[in-house]
Structure formats: C-alpha cells, structure tokens
Amino acid sequence: MAGEAHTVHDLTPEEVSKGIAEGKYLLVDVREPNEVAVEAYPDAVVVPLSTFDSADLPDPAGKQIVFACRSGKRSVTASLAAQADGLAYDKHLAGGILGWKAAGLPTKAG
C-alpha cells in the first residue's frame, strides 16, 4: 500500500543468537562476498545488498528472517526492501557483526 510506514525492529546479538539456537530465526547476512570471506556469522545465509532481490531470499521454513550486516545500516535497508516487496521481514541485528563480536559471540572464517 502506498504511504504505508515500514518499521524495522532492532534485535540484540544475544536475542539473535538465542533465536538461532532455538530454531526461531534465520540469519541473512547482506554484506558483500569479500567481507564474508574475511569473517562470517556461523549460521547465516548470504544475500548481498548490492544485488539484493527478495526473490533470492531463502524460504525461512517457519522461521523469522533476521537481516545482518557489518554495523546495522545495510540490514535495515534490506529489511525495508523486503517489506517494500510485500514480505513481513521486519527484524535486524542491531550493531551488525561488530556488535555480535563485542557481545562475545563466535564468528568463522568465510
């Protein structure tokens, strides 16, 4: 609907990590492949923002998609883009991988 306000909800690294462990969240990393190659989230699907297409998003199979990036800016953009395409994906990892690491959560080599 035109003019409909979209919102993006911030989730903390702890909330996202717990949600992934419980099978509630599917993390979608929207960083670029060169970034992911250096350091990656352990359980994320990569859909780069530069070529973002909602059609490329995986079927969450009953989970809620949570977008993530480096610092939390691109994940908001991706969430808004998905919502513009009619998908109810309104969650992102606040603080991105920087916040994830600051919270002491693990990363892996890409």
C-alpha atoms as a PDB file:
ATOM      1  CA  MET A   1       0.000   0.000   0.000  1.00  0.00           C
ATOM      2  CA  ALA A   2       1.361   3.400  -0.909  1.00  0.00           C
ATOM      3  CA  GLY A   3       2.358   5.516   2.041  1.00  0.00           C
ATOM      4  CA  GLU A   4       2.328   2.612   4.447  1.00  0.00           C
ATOM      5  CA  ALA A   5       5.045   3.062   7.037  1.00  0.00           C
ATOM      6  CA  HIS A   6       7.548   0.262   7.347  1.00  0.00           C
ATOM      7  CA  THR A   7       9.441  -0.328  10.529  1.00  0.00           C
ATOM      8  CA  VAL A   8      12.488  -2.375  11.349  1.00  0.00           C
ATOM      9  CA  HIS A   9      12.882  -3.871  14.805  1.00  0.00           C
ATOM     10  CA  ASP A  10      16.275  -3.972  16.476  1.00  0.00           C
ATOM     11  CA  LEU A  11      17.344  -7.267  17.994  1.00  0.00           C
ATOM     12  CA  THR A  12      20.382  -7.610  20.226  1.00  0.00           C
ATOM     13  CA  PRO A  13      23.153 -10.082  19.390  1.00  0.00           C
ATOM     14  CA  GLU A  14      22.055 -12.150  22.391  1.00  0.00           C
ATOM     15  CA  GLU A  15      18.443 -12.272  21.185  1.00  0.00           C
ATOM     16  CA  VAL A  16      19.501 -13.285  17.686  1.00  0.00           C
ATOM     17  CA  SER A  17      21.969 -15.930  18.895  1.00  0.00           C
ATOM     18  CA  LYS A  18      19.350 -17.435  21.206  1.00  0.00           C
ATOM     19  CA  GLY A  19      16.722 -17.333  18.447  1.00  0.00           C
ATOM     20  CA  ILE A  20      19.034 -19.128  16.024  1.00  0.00           C
ATOM     21  CA  ALA A  21      19.843 -21.774  18.641  1.00  0.00           C
ATOM     22  CA  GLU A  22      16.130 -22.288  19.275  1.00  0.00           C
ATOM     23  CA  GLY A  23      15.384 -22.599  15.564  1.00  0.00           C
ATOM     24  CA  LYS A  24      13.294 -19.438  15.643  1.00  0.00           C
ATOM     25  CA  TYR A  25      15.449 -17.154  13.475  1.00  0.00           C
ATOM     26  CA  LEU A  26      17.166 -17.489  10.112  1.00  0.00           C
ATOM     27  CA  LEU A  27      20.041 -15.024   9.831  1.00  0.00           C
ATOM     28  CA  VAL A  28      20.531 -13.408   6.403  1.00  0.00           C
ATOM     29  CA  ASP A  29      23.886 -11.641   6.009  1.00  0.00           C
ATOM     30  CA  VAL A  30      23.610  -8.838   3.448  1.00  0.00           C
ATOM     31  CA  ARG A  31      27.321  -7.976   3.391  1.00  0.00           C
ATOM     32  CA  GLU A  32      29.374  -8.450   0.243  1.00  0.00           C
ATOM     33  CA  PRO A  33      31.171 -11.750  -0.544  1.00  0.00           C
ATOM     34  CA  ASN A  34      34.604 -10.184   0.047  1.00  0.00           C
ATOM     35  CA  GLU A  35      33.518  -9.166   3.559  1.00  0.00           C
ATOM     36  CA  VAL A  36      32.014 -12.561   4.304  1.00  0.00           C
ATOM     37  CA  ALA A  37      35.236 -14.219   3.107  1.00  0.00           C
ATOM     38  CA  VAL A  38      37.157 -12.431   5.860  1.00  0.00           C
ATOM     39  CA  GLU A  39      34.711 -13.122   8.671  1.00  0.00           C
ATOM     40  CA  ALA A  40      31.269 -14.664   8.709  1.00  0.00           C
ATOM     41  CA  TYR A  41      28.374 -15.337  11.016  1.00  0.00           C
ATOM     42  CA  PRO A  42      28.394 -19.068  11.880  1.00  0.00           C
ATOM     43  CA  ASP A  43      24.824 -19.790  10.738  1.00  0.00           C
ATOM     44  CA  ALA A  44      23.920 -17.169   8.141  1.00  0.00           C
ATOM     45  CA  VAL A  45      22.723 -17.292   4.556  1.00  0.00           C
ATOM     46  CA  VAL A  46      24.455 -14.645   2.406  1.00  0.00           C
ATOM     47  CA  VAL A  47      22.311 -12.422   0.153  1.00  0.00           C
ATOM     48  CA  PRO A  48      24.459  -9.352  -0.710  1.00  0.00           C
ATOM     49  CA  LEU A  49      22.721  -5.993  -0.560  1.00  0.00           C
ATOM     50  CA  SER A  50      24.455  -4.780  -3.747  1.00  0.00           C
ATOM     51  CA  THR A  51      22.441  -7.294  -5.785  1.00  0.00           C
ATOM     52  CA  PHE A  52      19.559  -7.633  -3.339  1.00  0.00           C
ATOM     53  CA  ASP A  53      16.424  -9.246  -4.685  1.00  0.00           C
ATOM     54  CA  SER A  54      13.737 -10.504  -2.338  1.00  0.00           C
ATOM     55  CA  ALA A  55      13.320 -13.461  -4.698  1.00  0.00           C
ATOM     56  CA  ASP A  56      16.814 -14.614  -3.682  1.00  0.00           C
ATOM     57  CA  LEU A  57      15.864 -14.894  -0.025  1.00  0.00           C
ATOM     58  CA  PRO A  58      15.629 -18.460   1.223  1.00  0.00           C
ATOM     59  CA  ASP A  59      12.341 -19.937   2.333  1.00  0.00           C
ATOM     60  CA  PRO A  60      12.557 -19.423   6.098  1.00  0.00           C
ATOM     61  CA  ALA A  61      10.575 -22.655   6.601  1.00  0.00           C
ATOM     62  CA  GLY A  62       8.645 -21.376   9.573  1.00  0.00           C
ATOM     63  CA  LYS A  63      11.477 -19.273  10.978  1.00  0.00           C
ATOM     64  CA  GLN A  64      11.647 -15.496  11.095  1.00  0.00           C
ATOM     65  CA  ILE A  65      14.267 -13.876   8.877  1.00  0.00           C
ATOM     66  CA  VAL A  66      16.671 -11.527  10.653  1.00  0.00           C
ATOM     67  CA  PHE A  67      18.946  -9.381   8.484  1.00  0.00           C
ATOM     68  CA  ALA A  68      22.541  -8.693   9.500  1.00  0.00           C
ATOM     69  CA  CYS A  69      25.499  -6.737   8.153  1.00  0.00           C
ATOM     70  CA  ARG A  70      28.660  -5.097   9.479  1.00  0.00           C
ATOM     71  CA  SER A  71      27.243  -2.364  11.688  1.00  0.00           C
ATOM     72  CA  GLY A  72      23.454  -2.461  11.328  1.00  0.00           C
ATOM     73  CA  LYS A  73      22.859   0.007   8.466  1.00  0.00           C
ATOM     74  CA  ARG A  74      22.588  -2.282   5.426  1.00  0.00           C
ATOM     75  CA  SER A  75      20.448  -4.747   7.357  1.00  0.00           C
ATOM     76  CA  VAL A  76      17.842  -2.017   7.851  1.00  0.00           C
ATOM     77  CA  THR A  77      17.973  -1.217   4.115  1.00  0.00           C
ATOM     78  CA  ALA A  78      17.490  -4.900   3.258  1.00  0.00           C
ATOM     79  CA  SER A  79      14.578  -5.244   5.659  1.00  0.00           C
ATOM     80  CA  LEU A  80      12.862  -2.194   4.177  1.00  0.00           C
ATOM     81  CA  ALA A  81      13.471  -3.510   0.646  1.00  0.00           C
ATOM     82  CA  ALA A  82      11.912  -6.861   1.561  1.00  0.00           C
ATOM     83  CA  GLN A  83       8.942  -5.091   3.130  1.00  0.00           C
ATOM     84  CA  ALA A  84       8.538  -2.972   0.002  1.00  0.00           C
ATOM     85  CA  ASP A  85       8.224  -6.270  -1.865  1.00  0.00           C
ATOM     86  CA  GLY A  86       5.427  -7.316   0.455  1.00  0.00           C
ATOM     87  CA  LEU A  87       7.415  -9.556   2.808  1.00  0.00           C
ATOM     88  CA  ALA A  88       6.924  -9.198   6.557  1.00  0.00           C
ATOM     89  CA  TYR A  89      10.642  -9.319   7.366  1.00  0.00           C
ATOM     90  CA  ASP A  90      10.978  -6.561   9.937  1.00  0.00           C
ATOM     91  CA  LYS A  91      13.872  -7.703  12.127  1.00  0.00           C
ATOM     92  CA  HIS A  92      17.578  -6.961  12.009  1.00  0.00           C
ATOM     93  CA  LEU A  93      20.655  -7.480  14.136  1.00  0.00           C
ATOM     94  CA  ALA A  94      21.380  -4.095  15.715  1.00  0.00           C
ATOM     95  CA  GLY A  95      25.105  -3.370  15.665  1.00  0.00           C
ATOM     96  CA  GLY A  96      25.861  -5.962  12.997  1.00  0.00           C
ATOM     97  CA  ILE A  97      28.882  -8.225  13.182  1.00  0.00           C
ATOM     98  CA  LEU A  98      30.729  -5.563  15.195  1.00  0.00           C
ATOM     99  CA  GLY A  99      28.100  -5.781  17.927  1.00  0.00           C
ATOM    100  CA  TRP A 100      27.980  -9.571  17.559  1.00  0.00           C
ATOM    101  CA  LYS A 101      31.707  -9.830  18.290  1.00  0.00           C
ATOM    102  CA  ALA A 102      31.521  -7.213  21.061  1.00  0.00           C
ATOM    103  CA  ALA A 103      28.930  -9.457  22.726  1.00  0.00           C
ATOM    104  CA  GLY A 104      31.484 -12.276  22.670  1.00  0.00           C
ATOM    105  CA  LEU A 105      29.630 -14.340  20.068  1.00  0.00           C
ATOM    106  CA  PRO A 106      31.570 -16.542  17.629  1.00  0.00           C
ATOM    107  CA  THR A 107      32.399 -15.843  14.013  1.00  0.00           C
ATOM    108  CA  LYS A 108      34.027 -18.104  11.459  1.00  0.00           C
ATOM    109  CA  ALA A 109      36.330 -17.715   8.520  1.00  0.00           C
ATOM    110  CA  GLY A 110      34.204 -17.344   5.379  1.00  0.00           C
END
